[in-house]
């Protein structure tokens, strides 16, 4: 159970760092500071497509949930090794948040598919 909880917490934290603005746009600012920029390009179909452009390896790493999840998992596992009570609390909060997001996404998928 601890492995599942930690995995969900690592995914949740990685997802926040890569895809979310966060409170006071802290994650957006972090990505910008690291060199990750959004570029809008008008496609042949006439629609505007937004993509991410990384100015350096750190920014490139912050554009991938899979990449960031390795570091967030290491952080959470390291916190557990030290047996900090904040480690368990952080993992539980992030795991619950991830569970809520999964439920939300399932509900949204069901709604979009007539369920």
PDB file of N, CA and C in Angstrom:
ATOM      1  N   UNK A   1       0.823  -1.186   0.000  1.00  0.00           N
ATOM      2  CA  UNK A   1       0.000   0.000   0.000  1.00  0.00           C
ATOM      3  C   UNK A   1       0.876   1.263   0.000  1.00  0.00           C
ATOM      4  N   UNK A   2       1.974   1.201   0.735  1.00  0.00           N
ATOM      5  CA  UNK A   2       2.867   2.355   0.812  1.00  0.00           C
ATOM      6  C   UNK A   2       3.454   2.673  -0.560  1.00  0.00           C
ATOM      7  N   UNK A   3       3.759   1.647  -1.348  1.00  0.00           N
ATOM      8  CA  UNK A   3       4.305   1.846  -2.686  1.00  0.00           C
ATOM      9  C   UNK A   3       3.295   2.554  -3.589  1.00  0.00           C
ATOM     10  N   UNK A   4       2.046   2.133  -3.541  1.00  0.00           N
ATOM     11  CA  UNK A   4       0.996   2.764  -4.351  1.00  0.00           C
ATOM     12  C   UNK A   4       0.804   4.214  -3.928  1.00  0.00           C
ATOM     13  N   UNK A   5       0.776   4.439  -2.633  1.00  0.00           N
ATOM     14  CA  UNK A   5       0.607   5.796  -2.109  1.00  0.00           C
ATOM     15  C   UNK A   5       1.759   6.701  -2.555  1.00  0.00           C
ATOM     16  N   UNK A   6       2.974   6.201  -2.451  1.00  0.00           N
ATOM     17  CA  UNK A   6       4.134   6.998  -2.849  1.00  0.00           C
ATOM     18  C   UNK A   6       4.148   7.239  -4.350  1.00  0.00           C
ATOM     19  N   UNK A   7       3.766   6.228  -5.129  1.00  0.00           N
ATOM     20  CA  UNK A   7       3.722   6.388  -6.589  1.00  0.00           C
ATOM     21  C   UNK A   7       2.693   7.441  -6.988  1.00  0.00           C
ATOM     22  N   UNK A   8       1.522   7.402  -6.367  1.00  0.00           N
ATOM     23  CA  UNK A   8       0.505   8.411  -6.663  1.00  0.00           C
ATOM     24  C   UNK A   8       0.977   9.804  -6.268  1.00  0.00           C
ATOM     25  N   UNK A   9       1.628   9.896  -5.126  1.00  0.00           N
ATOM     26  CA  UNK A   9       2.139  11.190  -4.670  1.00  0.00           C
ATOM     27  C   UNK A   9       3.214  11.717  -5.624  1.00  0.00           C
ATOM     28  N   UNK A  10       4.100  10.841  -6.079  1.00  0.00           N
ATOM     29  CA  UNK A  10       5.156  11.254  -7.017  1.00  0.00           C
ATOM     30  C   UNK A  10       4.543  11.721  -8.332  1.00  0.00           C
ATOM     31  N   UNK A  11       3.542  10.984  -8.834  1.00  0.00           N
ATOM     32  CA  UNK A  11       2.883  11.397 -10.075  1.00  0.00           C
ATOM     33  C   UNK A  11       2.202  12.758  -9.889  1.00  0.00           C
ATOM     34  N   UNK A  12       1.519  12.926  -8.756  1.00  0.00           N
ATOM     35  CA  UNK A  12       0.794  14.176  -8.518  1.00  0.00           C
ATOM     36  C   UNK A  12       1.746  15.367  -8.488  1.00  0.00           C
ATOM     37  N   UNK A  13       2.844  15.232  -7.782  1.00  0.00           N
ATOM     38  CA  UNK A  13       3.816  16.312  -7.693  1.00  0.00           C
ATOM     39  C   UNK A  13       4.447  16.577  -9.060  1.00  0.00           C
ATOM     40  N   UNK A  14       4.788  15.526  -9.796  1.00  0.00           N
ATOM     41  CA  UNK A  14       5.366  15.694 -11.137  1.00  0.00           C
ATOM     42  C   UNK A  14       4.378  16.396 -12.060  1.00  0.00           C
ATOM     43  N   UNK A  15       3.123  16.002 -11.999  1.00  0.00           N
ATOM     44  CA  UNK A  15       2.105  16.614 -12.847  1.00  0.00           C
ATOM     45  C   UNK A  15       1.953  18.094 -12.536  1.00  0.00           C
ATOM     46  N   UNK A  16       1.987  18.441 -11.247  1.00  0.00           N
ATOM     47  CA  UNK A  16       1.881  19.855 -10.864  1.00  0.00           C
ATOM     48  C   UNK A  16       3.065  20.645 -11.417  1.00  0.00           C
ATOM     49  N   UNK A  17       4.257  20.109 -11.286  1.00  0.00           N
ATOM     50  CA  UNK A  17       5.455  20.818 -11.746  1.00  0.00           C
ATOM     51  C   UNK A  17       5.465  21.013 -13.265  1.00  0.00           C
ATOM     52  N   UNK A  18       4.982  20.028 -14.005  1.00  0.00           N
ATOM     53  CA  UNK A  18       5.051  20.062 -15.470  1.00  0.00           C
ATOM     54  C   UNK A  18       3.857  20.764 -16.108  1.00  0.00           C
ATOM     55  N   UNK A  19       2.666  20.581 -15.566  1.00  0.00           N
ATOM     56  CA  UNK A  19       1.464  21.005 -16.281  1.00  0.00           C
ATOM     57  C   UNK A  19       0.594  22.059 -15.614  1.00  0.00           C
ATOM     58  N   UNK A  20       0.792  22.345 -14.361  1.00  0.00           N
ATOM     59  CA  UNK A  20      -0.129  23.230 -13.667  1.00  0.00           C
ATOM     60  C   UNK A  20       0.517  24.570 -13.335  1.00  0.00           C
ATOM     61  N   UNK A  21      -0.328  25.581 -13.171  1.00  0.00           N
ATOM     62  CA  UNK A  21       0.165  26.898 -12.777  1.00  0.00           C
ATOM     63  C   UNK A  21       0.534  26.915 -11.302  1.00  0.00           C
ATOM     64  N   UNK A  22      -0.307  26.318 -10.477  1.00  0.00           N
ATOM     65  CA  UNK A  22      -0.081  26.311  -9.040  1.00  0.00           C
ATOM     66  C   UNK A  22      -0.538  27.606  -8.402  1.00  0.00           C
ATOM     67  N   UNK A  23      -0.551  27.634  -7.074  1.00  0.00           N
ATOM     68  CA  UNK A  23      -0.952  28.865  -6.395  1.00  0.00           C
ATOM     69  C   UNK A  23       0.048  29.977  -6.682  1.00  0.00           C
ATOM     70  N   UNK A  24      -0.474  31.161  -6.966  1.00  0.00           N
ATOM     71  CA  UNK A  24       0.348  32.323  -7.317  1.00  0.00           C
ATOM     72  C   UNK A  24       1.256  32.034  -8.514  1.00  0.00           C
ATOM     73  N   UNK A  25       0.840  31.091  -9.369  1.00  0.00           N
ATOM     74  CA  UNK A  25       1.581  30.706 -10.579  1.00  0.00           C
ATOM     75  C   UNK A  25       3.006  30.250 -10.273  1.00  0.00           C
ATOM     76  N   UNK A  26       3.204  29.630  -9.123  1.00  0.00           N
ATOM     77  CA  UNK A  26       4.549  29.233  -8.705  1.00  0.00           C
ATOM     78  C   UNK A  26       5.185  28.221  -9.663  1.00  0.00           C
ATOM     79  N   UNK A  27       4.410  27.262 -10.163  1.00  0.00           N
ATOM     80  CA  UNK A  27       4.976  26.258 -11.064  1.00  0.00           C
ATOM     81  C   UNK A  27       5.229  26.843 -12.448  1.00  0.00           C
ATOM     82  N   UNK A  28       4.338  27.709 -12.896  1.00  0.00           N
ATOM     83  CA  UNK A  28       4.562  28.399 -14.173  1.00  0.00           C
ATOM     84  C   UNK A  28       5.826  29.242 -14.107  1.00  0.00           C
ATOM     85  N   UNK A  29       5.991  29.938 -13.006  1.00  0.00           N
ATOM     86  CA  UNK A  29       7.194  30.778 -12.830  1.00  0.00           C
ATOM     87  C   UNK A  29       8.459  29.932 -12.773  1.00  0.00           C
ATOM     88  N   UNK A  30       8.374  28.790 -12.111  1.00  0.00           N
ATOM     89  CA  UNK A  30       9.522  27.887 -12.032  1.00  0.00           C
ATOM     90  C   UNK A  30       9.929  27.409 -13.421  1.00  0.00           C
ATOM     91  N   UNK A  31       8.937  26.997 -14.216  1.00  0.00           N
ATOM     92  CA  UNK A  31       9.246  26.538 -15.573  1.00  0.00           C
ATOM     93  C   UNK A  31       9.830  27.667 -16.416  1.00  0.00           C
ATOM     94  N   UNK A  32       9.278  28.871 -16.269  1.00  0.00           N
ATOM     95  CA  UNK A  32       9.792  30.017 -17.020  1.00  0.00           C
ATOM     96  C   UNK A  32      11.224  30.332 -16.592  1.00  0.00           C
ATOM     97  N   UNK A  33      11.478  30.355 -15.283  1.00  0.00           N
ATOM     98  CA  UNK A  33      12.815  30.621 -14.752  1.00  0.00           C
ATOM     99  C   UNK A  33      13.814  29.592 -15.273  1.00  0.00           C
ATOM    100  N   UNK A  34      13.363  28.338 -15.393  1.00  0.00           N
ATOM    101  CA  UNK A  34      14.242  27.271 -15.859  1.00  0.00           C
ATOM    102  C   UNK A  34      14.512  27.358 -17.364  1.00  0.00           C
ATOM    103  N   UNK A  35      13.716  28.139 -18.094  1.00  0.00           N
ATOM    104  CA  UNK A  35      13.950  28.299 -19.526  1.00  0.00           C
ATOM    105  C   UNK A  35      12.932  27.630 -20.417  1.00  0.00           C
ATOM    106  N   UNK A  36      11.794  27.235 -19.869  1.00  0.00           N
ATOM    107  CA  UNK A  36      10.738  26.610 -20.673  1.00  0.00           C
ATOM    108  C   UNK A  36       9.768  27.686 -21.127  1.00  0.00           C
ATOM    109  N   UNK A  37       9.596  27.814 -22.441  1.00  0.00           N
ATOM    110  CA  UNK A  37       8.736  28.857 -23.004  1.00  0.00           C
ATOM    111  C   UNK A  37       7.621  28.227 -23.821  1.00  0.00           C
ATOM    112  N   UNK A  38       6.501  28.937 -23.889  1.00  0.00           N
ATOM    113  CA  UNK A  38       5.389  28.532 -24.740  1.00  0.00           C
ATOM    114  C   UNK A  38       5.465  29.334 -26.034  1.00  0.00           C
ATOM    115  N   UNK A  39       5.332  28.650 -27.151  1.00  0.00           N
ATOM    116  CA  UNK A  39       5.396  29.296 -28.458  1.00  0.00           C
ATOM    117  C   UNK A  39       4.109  28.967 -29.205  1.00  0.00           C
ATOM    118  N   UNK A  40       3.451  30.012 -29.713  1.00  0.00           N
ATOM    119  CA  UNK A  40       2.222  29.835 -30.484  1.00  0.00           C
ATOM    120  C   UNK A  40       2.551  29.941 -31.968  1.00  0.00           C
ATOM    121  N   UNK A  41       2.090  28.947 -32.727  1.00  0.00           N
ATOM    122  CA  UNK A  41       2.338  28.911 -34.170  1.00  0.00           C
ATOM    123  C   UNK A  41       1.014  28.645 -34.868  1.00  0.00           C
ATOM    124  N   UNK A  42       0.757  29.406 -35.930  1.00  0.00           N
ATOM    125  CA  UNK A  42      -0.457  29.183 -36.707  1.00  0.00           C
ATOM    126  C   UNK A  42      -0.186  28.050 -37.695  1.00  0.00           C
ATOM    127  N   UNK A  43      -1.006  27.013 -37.597  1.00  0.00           N
ATOM    128  CA  UNK A  43      -0.839  25.844 -38.449  1.00  0.00           C
ATOM    129  C   UNK A  43      -1.451  26.029 -39.827  1.00  0.00           C
ATOM    130  N   UNK A  44      -1.230  25.055 -40.679  1.00  0.00           N
ATOM    131  CA  UNK A  44      -1.780  25.094 -42.043  1.00  0.00           C
ATOM    132  C   UNK A  44      -3.304  25.083 -42.026  1.00  0.00           C
ATOM    133  N   UNK A  45      -3.876  24.529 -40.959  1.00  0.00           N
ATOM    134  CA  UNK A  45      -5.330  24.480 -40.843  1.00  0.00           C
ATOM    135  C   UNK A  45      -5.909  25.808 -40.351  1.00  0.00           C
ATOM    136  N   UNK A  46      -5.032  26.794 -40.096  1.00  0.00           N
ATOM    137  CA  UNK A  46      -5.479  28.113 -39.656  1.00  0.00           C
ATOM    138  C   UNK A  46      -5.640  28.244 -38.152  1.00  0.00           C
ATOM    139  N   UNK A  47      -5.484  27.131 -37.425  1.00  0.00           N
ATOM    140  CA  UNK A  47      -5.617  27.164 -35.973  1.00  0.00           C
ATOM    141  C   UNK A  47      -4.270  27.424 -35.320  1.00  0.00           C
ATOM    142  N   UNK A  48      -4.316  28.034 -34.168  1.00  0.00           N
ATOM    143  CA  UNK A  48      -3.102  28.316 -33.416  1.00  0.00           C
ATOM    144  C   UNK A  48      -2.767  27.102 -32.555  1.00  0.00           C
ATOM    145  N   UNK A  49      -1.538  26.643 -32.660  1.00  0.00           N
ATOM    146  CA  UNK A  49      -1.049  25.512 -31.878  1.00  0.00           C
ATOM    147  C   UNK A  49       0.041  26.024 -30.942  1.00  0.00           C
ATOM    148  N   UNK A  50      -0.065  25.655 -29.666  1.00  0.00           N
ATOM    149  CA  UNK A  50       0.916  26.092 -28.668  1.00  0.00           C
ATOM    150  C   UNK A  50       1.806  24.909 -28.337  1.00  0.00           C
ATOM    151  N   UNK A  51       3.107  25.151 -28.363  1.00  0.00           N
ATOM    152  CA  UNK A  51       4.048  24.100 -27.990  1.00  0.00           C
ATOM    153  C   UNK A  51       5.078  24.670 -27.026  1.00  0.00           C
ATOM    154  N   UNK A  52       5.767  23.783 -26.361  1.00  0.00           N
ATOM    155  CA  UNK A  52       6.797  24.178 -25.401  1.00  0.00           C
ATOM    156  C   UNK A  52       8.161  24.112 -26.066  1.00  0.00           C
ATOM    157  N   UNK A  53       8.988  25.090 -25.755  1.00  0.00           N
ATOM    158  CA  UNK A  53      10.353  25.128 -26.261  1.00  0.00           C
ATOM    159  C   UNK A  53      11.285  25.243 -25.062  1.00  0.00           C
ATOM    160  N   UNK A  54      12.225  24.327 -24.959  1.00  0.00           N
ATOM    161  CA  UNK A  54      13.161  24.304 -23.841  1.00  0.00           C
ATOM    162  C   UNK A  54      14.483  24.941 -24.255  1.00  0.00           C
ATOM    163  N   UNK A  55      14.962  25.851 -23.414  1.00  0.00           N
ATOM    164  CA  UNK A  55      16.204  26.568 -23.702  1.00  0.00           C
ATOM    165  C   UNK A  55      17.441  25.825 -23.191  1.00  0.00           C
ATOM    166  N   UNK A  56      17.240  24.801 -22.357  1.00  0.00           N
ATOM    167  CA  UNK A  56      18.372  24.082 -21.765  1.00  0.00           C
ATOM    168  C   UNK A  56      17.896  22.724 -21.248  1.00  0.00           C
ATOM    169  N   UNK A  57      18.812  21.867 -20.802  1.00  0.00           N
ATOM    170  CA  UNK A  57      18.408  20.537 -20.314  1.00  0.00           C
ATOM    171  C   UNK A  57      17.467  20.571 -19.107  1.00  0.00           C
ATOM    172  N   UNK A  58      17.633  21.527 -18.202  1.00  0.00           N
ATOM    173  CA  UNK A  58      16.735  21.621 -17.051  1.00  0.00           C
ATOM    174  C   UNK A  58      15.311  21.905 -17.516  1.00  0.00           C
ATOM    175  N   UNK A  59      15.170  22.855 -18.433  1.00  0.00           N
ATOM    176  CA  UNK A  59      13.851  23.190 -18.966  1.00  0.00           C
ATOM    177  C   UNK A  59      13.260  22.007 -19.711  1.00  0.00           C
ATOM    178  N   UNK A  60      14.089  21.295 -20.454  1.00  0.00           N
ATOM    179  CA  UNK A  60      13.620  20.117 -21.178  1.00  0.00           C
ATOM    180  C   UNK A  60      13.083  19.067 -20.209  1.00  0.00           C
ATOM    181  N   UNK A  61      13.787  18.884 -19.095  1.00  0.00           N
ATOM    182  CA  UNK A  61      13.334  17.934 -18.084  1.00  0.00           C
ATOM    183  C   UNK A  61      12.023  18.335 -17.451  1.00  0.00           C
ATOM    184  N   UNK A  62      11.788  19.632 -17.300  1.00  0.00           N
ATOM    185  CA  UNK A  62      10.547  20.118 -16.697  1.00  0.00           C
ATOM    186  C   UNK A  62       9.359  20.079 -17.659  1.00  0.00           C
ATOM    187  N   UNK A  63       9.576  19.580 -18.860  1.00  0.00           N
ATOM    188  CA  UNK A  63       8.471  19.485 -19.816  1.00  0.00           C
ATOM    189  C   UNK A  63       7.916  18.065 -19.904  1.00  0.00           C
ATOM    190  N   UNK A  64       8.446  17.158 -19.094  1.00  0.00           N
ATOM    191  CA  UNK A  64       8.074  15.745 -19.191  1.00  0.00           C
ATOM    192  C   UNK A  64       7.679  15.182 -17.826  1.00  0.00           C
ATOM    193  N   UNK A  65       6.427  14.763 -17.677  1.00  0.00           N
ATOM    194  CA  UNK A  65       5.963  14.196 -16.415  1.00  0.00           C
ATOM    195  C   UNK A  65       6.762  12.945 -16.072  1.00  0.00           C
ATOM    196  N   UNK A  66       7.060  12.136 -17.053  1.00  0.00           N
ATOM    197  CA  UNK A  66       7.804  10.906 -16.784  1.00  0.00           C
ATOM    198  C   UNK A  66       9.183  11.215 -16.219  1.00  0.00           C
ATOM    199  N   UNK A  67       9.844  12.237 -16.779  1.00  0.00           N
ATOM    200  CA  UNK A  67      11.178  12.627 -16.301  1.00  0.00           C
ATOM    201  C   UNK A  67      11.113  13.180 -14.884  1.00  0.00           C
ATOM    202  N   UNK A  68      10.194  14.091 -14.663  1.00  0.00           N
ATOM    203  CA  UNK A  68      10.079  14.731 -13.353  1.00  0.00           C
ATOM    204  C   UNK A  68       9.635  13.727 -12.297  1.00  0.00           C
ATOM    205  N   UNK A  69       8.846  12.729 -12.691  1.00  0.00           N
ATOM    206  CA  UNK A  69       8.378  11.756 -11.706  1.00  0.00           C
ATOM    207  C   UNK A  69       9.527  10.964 -11.091  1.00  0.00           C
ATOM    208  N   UNK A  70      10.603  10.788 -11.828  1.00  0.00           N
ATOM    209  CA  UNK A  70      11.774  10.095 -11.269  1.00  0.00           C
ATOM    210  C   UNK A  70      12.332  10.900 -10.097  1.00  0.00           C
ATOM    211  N   UNK A  71      12.461  12.212 -10.300  1.00  0.00           N
ATOM    212  CA  UNK A  71      13.020  13.070  -9.251  1.00  0.00           C
ATOM    213  C   UNK A  71      12.061  13.238  -8.084  1.00  0.00           C
ATOM    214  N   UNK A  72      10.764  13.331  -8.367  1.00  0.00           N
ATOM    215  CA  UNK A  72       9.810  13.477  -7.271  1.00  0.00           C
ATOM    216  C   UNK A  72       9.727  12.178  -6.463  1.00  0.00           C
ATOM    217  N   UNK A  73       9.812  11.049  -7.150  1.00  0.00           N
ATOM    218  CA  UNK A  73       9.815   9.772  -6.435  1.00  0.00           C
ATOM    219  C   UNK A  73      11.056   9.655  -5.548  1.00  0.00           C
ATOM    220  N   UNK A  74      12.199  10.078  -6.067  1.00  0.00           N
ATOM    221  CA  UNK A  74      13.433  10.043  -5.274  1.00  0.00           C
ATOM    222  C   UNK A  74      13.298  10.930  -4.036  1.00  0.00           C
ATOM    223  N   UNK A  75      12.719  12.107  -4.226  1.00  0.00           N
ATOM    224  CA  UNK A  75      12.516  13.020  -3.103  1.00  0.00           C
ATOM    225  C   UNK A  75      11.614  12.395  -2.042  1.00  0.00           C
ATOM    226  N   UNK A  76      10.490  11.845  -2.470  1.00  0.00           N
ATOM    227  CA  UNK A  76       9.550  11.266  -1.518  1.00  0.00           C
ATOM    228  C   UNK A  76      10.123  10.043  -0.820  1.00  0.00           C
ATOM    229  N   UNK A  77      10.848   9.222  -1.560  1.00  0.00           N
ATOM    230  CA  UNK A  77      11.475   8.050  -0.939  1.00  0.00           C
ATOM    231  C   UNK A  77      12.571   8.478   0.027  1.00  0.00           C
ATOM    232  N   UNK A  78      13.302   9.515  -0.330  1.00  0.00           N
ATOM    233  CA  UNK A  78      14.333  10.036   0.569  1.00  0.00           C
ATOM    234  C   UNK A  78      13.732  10.587   1.844  1.00  0.00           C
ATOM    235  N   UNK A  79      12.600  11.234   1.733  1.00  0.00           N
ATOM    236  CA  UNK A  79      11.918  11.755   2.915  1.00  0.00           C
ATOM    237  C   UNK A  79      11.477  10.607   3.817  1.00  0.00           C
ATOM    238  N   UNK A  80      11.055   9.521   3.215  1.00  0.00           N
ATOM    239  CA  UNK A  80      10.602   8.363   3.991  1.00  0.00           C
ATOM    240  C   UNK A  80      11.781   7.710   4.709  1.00  0.00           C
ATOM    241  N   UNK A  81      12.909   7.638   4.044  1.00  0.00           N
ATOM    242  CA  UNK A  81      14.096   7.044   4.664  1.00  0.00           C
ATOM    243  C   UNK A  81      14.491   7.775   5.937  1.00  0.00           C
ATOM    244  N   UNK A  82      14.318   9.068   5.921  1.00  0.00           N
ATOM    245  CA  UNK A  82      14.657   9.869   7.087  1.00  0.00           C
ATOM    246  C   UNK A  82      13.584   9.751   8.173  1.00  0.00           C
ATOM    247  N   UNK A  83      12.488   9.092   7.833  1.00  0.00           N
ATOM    248  CA  UNK A  83      11.371   8.865   8.762  1.00  0.00           C
ATOM    249  C   UNK A  83      10.780  10.176   9.283  1.00  0.00           C
ATOM    250  N   UNK A  84      10.776  11.187   8.439  1.00  0.00           N
ATOM    251  CA  UNK A  84      10.150  12.448   8.831  1.00  0.00           C
ATOM    252  C   UNK A  84       8.644  12.270   8.800  1.00  0.00           C
ATOM    253  N   UNK A  85       7.972  12.828   9.747  1.00  0.00           N
ATOM    254  CA  UNK A  85       6.518  12.746   9.723  1.00  0.00           C
ATOM    255  C   UNK A  85       5.958  13.570   8.564  1.00  0.00           C
ATOM    256  N   UNK A  86       6.701  14.610   8.152  1.00  0.00           N
ATOM    257  CA  UNK A  86       6.252  15.418   7.022  1.00  0.00           C
ATOM    258  C   UNK A  86       6.278  14.595   5.733  1.00  0.00           C
ATOM    259  N   UNK A  87       7.157  13.610   5.648  1.00  0.00           N
ATOM    260  CA  UNK A  87       7.211  12.751   4.457  1.00  0.00           C
ATOM    261  C   UNK A  87       5.926  11.975   4.262  1.00  0.00           C
ATOM    262  N   UNK A  88       5.447  11.369   5.322  1.00  0.00           N
ATOM    263  CA  UNK A  88       4.194  10.611   5.223  1.00  0.00           C
ATOM    264  C   UNK A  88       3.020  11.543   4.957  1.00  0.00           C
ATOM    265  N   UNK A  89       2.994  12.658   5.624  1.00  0.00           N
ATOM    266  CA  UNK A  89       1.895  13.612   5.429  1.00  0.00           C
ATOM    267  C   UNK A  89       1.881  14.133   3.999  1.00  0.00           C
ATOM    268  N   UNK A  90       3.036  14.489   3.472  1.00  0.00           N
ATOM    269  CA  UNK A  90       3.120  14.989   2.092  1.00  0.00           C
ATOM    270  C   UNK A  90       2.663  13.923   1.113  1.00  0.00           C
ATOM    271  N   UNK A  91       3.141  12.694   1.311  1.00  0.00           N
ATOM    272  CA  UNK A  91       2.777  11.587   0.420  1.00  0.00           C
ATOM    273  C   UNK A  91       1.271  11.350   0.453  1.00  0.00           C
ATOM    274  N   UNK A  92       0.698  11.379   1.637  1.00  0.00           N
ATOM    275  CA  UNK A  92      -0.738  11.135   1.747  1.00  0.00           C
ATOM    276  C   UNK A  92      -1.550  12.238   1.079  1.00  0.00           C
ATOM    277  N   UNK A  93      -1.153  13.479   1.288  1.00  0.00           N
ATOM    278  CA  UNK A  93      -1.881  14.591   0.667  1.00  0.00           C
ATOM    279  C   UNK A  93      -1.807  14.497  -0.849  1.00  0.00           C
ATOM    280  N   UNK A  94      -0.622  14.249  -1.376  1.00  0.00           N
ATOM    281  CA  UNK A  94      -0.474  14.161  -2.830  1.00  0.00           C
ATOM    282  C   UNK A  94      -1.195  12.944  -3.397  1.00  0.00           C
ATOM    283  N   UNK A  95      -1.178  11.835  -2.663  1.00  0.00           N
ATOM    284  CA  UNK A  95      -1.876  10.635  -3.135  1.00  0.00           C
ATOM    285  C   UNK A  95      -3.378  10.856  -3.173  1.00  0.00           C
ATOM    286  N   UNK A  96      -3.914  11.493  -2.157  1.00  0.00           N
ATOM    287  CA  UNK A  96      -5.345  11.791  -2.141  1.00  0.00           C
ATOM    288  C   UNK A  96      -5.691  12.738  -3.281  1.00  0.00           C
ATOM    289  N   UNK A  97      -4.834  13.733  -3.512  1.00  0.00           N
ATOM    290  CA  UNK A  97      -5.048  14.657  -4.620  1.00  0.00           C
ATOM    291  C   UNK A  97      -5.035  13.921  -5.956  1.00  0.00           C
ATOM    292  N   UNK A  98      -4.093  13.019  -6.119  1.00  0.00           N
ATOM    293  CA  UNK A  98      -4.023  12.231  -7.358  1.00  0.00           C
ATOM    294  C   UNK A  98      -5.272  11.381  -7.528  1.00  0.00           C
ATOM    295  N   UNK A  99      -5.736  10.775  -6.445  1.00  0.00           N
ATOM    296  CA  UNK A  99      -6.962   9.982  -6.509  1.00  0.00           C
ATOM    297  C   UNK A  99      -8.151  10.825  -6.931  1.00  0.00           C
ATOM    298  N   UNK A 100      -8.215  12.033  -6.400  1.00  0.00           N
ATOM    299  CA  UNK A 100      -9.296  12.939  -6.774  1.00  0.00           C
ATOM    300  C   UNK A 100      -9.228  13.297  -8.255  1.00  0.00           C
ATOM    301  N   UNK A 101      -8.024  13.498  -8.751  1.00  0.00           N
ATOM    302  CA  UNK A 101      -7.862  13.821 -10.173  1.00  0.00           C
ATOM    303  C   UNK A 101      -8.269  12.640 -11.044  1.00  0.00           C
ATOM    304  N   UNK A 102      -7.909  11.430 -10.644  1.00  0.00           N
ATOM    305  CA  UNK A 102      -8.299  10.238 -11.404  1.00  0.00           C
ATOM    306  C   UNK A 102      -9.818  10.133 -11.450  1.00  0.00           C
ATOM    307  N   UNK A 103     -10.466  10.328 -10.307  1.00  0.00           N
ATOM    308  CA  UNK A 103     -11.928  10.287 -10.272  1.00  0.00           C
ATOM    309  C   UNK A 103     -12.497  11.360 -11.193  1.00  0.00           C
ATOM    310  N   UNK A 104     -11.952  12.568 -11.128  1.00  0.00           N
ATOM    311  CA  UNK A 104     -12.416  13.660 -11.984  1.00  0.00           C
ATOM    312  C   UNK A 104     -12.274  13.300 -13.460  1.00  0.00           C
ATOM    313  N   UNK A 105     -11.121  12.776 -13.832  1.00  0.00           N
ATOM    314  CA  UNK A 105     -10.889  12.426 -15.239  1.00  0.00           C
ATOM    315  C   UNK A 105     -11.819  11.312 -15.702  1.00  0.00           C
ATOM    316  N   UNK A 106     -12.082  10.345 -14.846  1.00  0.00           N
ATOM    317  CA  UNK A 106     -13.013   9.265 -15.209  1.00  0.00           C
ATOM    318  C   UNK A 106     -14.409   9.836 -15.420  1.00  0.00           C
ATOM    319  N   UNK A 107     -14.844  10.702 -14.517  1.00  0.00           N
ATOM    320  CA  UNK A 107     -16.170  11.327 -14.649  1.00  0.00           C
ATOM    321  C   UNK A 107     -16.244  12.135 -15.939  1.00  0.00           C
ATOM    322  N   UNK A 108     -15.214  12.927 -16.216  1.00  0.00           N
ATOM    323  CA  UNK A 108     -15.203  13.731 -17.443  1.00  0.00           C
ATOM    324  C   UNK A 108     -15.232  12.841 -18.679  1.00  0.00           C
ATOM    325  N   UNK A 109     -14.497  11.733 -18.654  1.00  0.00           N
ATOM    326  CA  UNK A 109     -14.473  10.812 -19.792  1.00  0.00           C
ATOM    327  C   UNK A 109     -15.862  10.198 -19.984  1.00  0.00           C
ATOM    328  N   UNK A 110     -16.477   9.788 -18.889  1.00  0.00           N
ATOM    329  CA  UNK A 110     -17.813   9.203 -18.981  1.00  0.00           C
ATOM    330  C   UNK A 110     -18.816  10.202 -19.534  1.00  0.00           C
ATOM    331  N   UNK A 111     -18.731  11.451 -19.105  1.00  0.00           N
ATOM    332  CA  UNK A 111     -19.636  12.490 -19.612  1.00  0.00           C
ATOM    333  C   UNK A 111     -19.435  12.718 -21.098  1.00  0.00           C
ATOM    334  N   UNK A 112     -18.190  12.740 -21.533  1.00  0.00           N
ATOM    335  CA  UNK A 112     -17.914  13.012 -22.948  1.00  0.00           C
ATOM    336  C   UNK A 112     -18.280  11.837 -23.852  1.00  0.00           C
ATOM    337  N   UNK A 113     -18.426  10.660 -23.272  1.00  0.00           N
ATOM    338  CA  UNK A 113     -18.779   9.478 -24.055  1.00  0.00           C
ATOM    339  C   UNK A 113     -20.205   9.023 -23.795  1.00  0.00           C
ATOM    340  N   UNK A 114     -21.034   9.928 -23.279  1.00  0.00           N
ATOM    341  CA  UNK A 114     -22.454   9.651 -23.133  1.00  0.00           C
ATOM    342  C   UNK A 114     -22.798   8.734 -21.985  1.00  0.00           C
ATOM    343  N   UNK A 115     -21.886   8.584 -21.021  1.00  0.00           N
ATOM    344  CA  UNK A 115     -22.152   7.662 -19.909  1.00  0.00           C
ATOM    345  C   UNK A 115     -22.854   8.255 -18.745  1.00  0.00           C
TER     346      UNK A 115
END
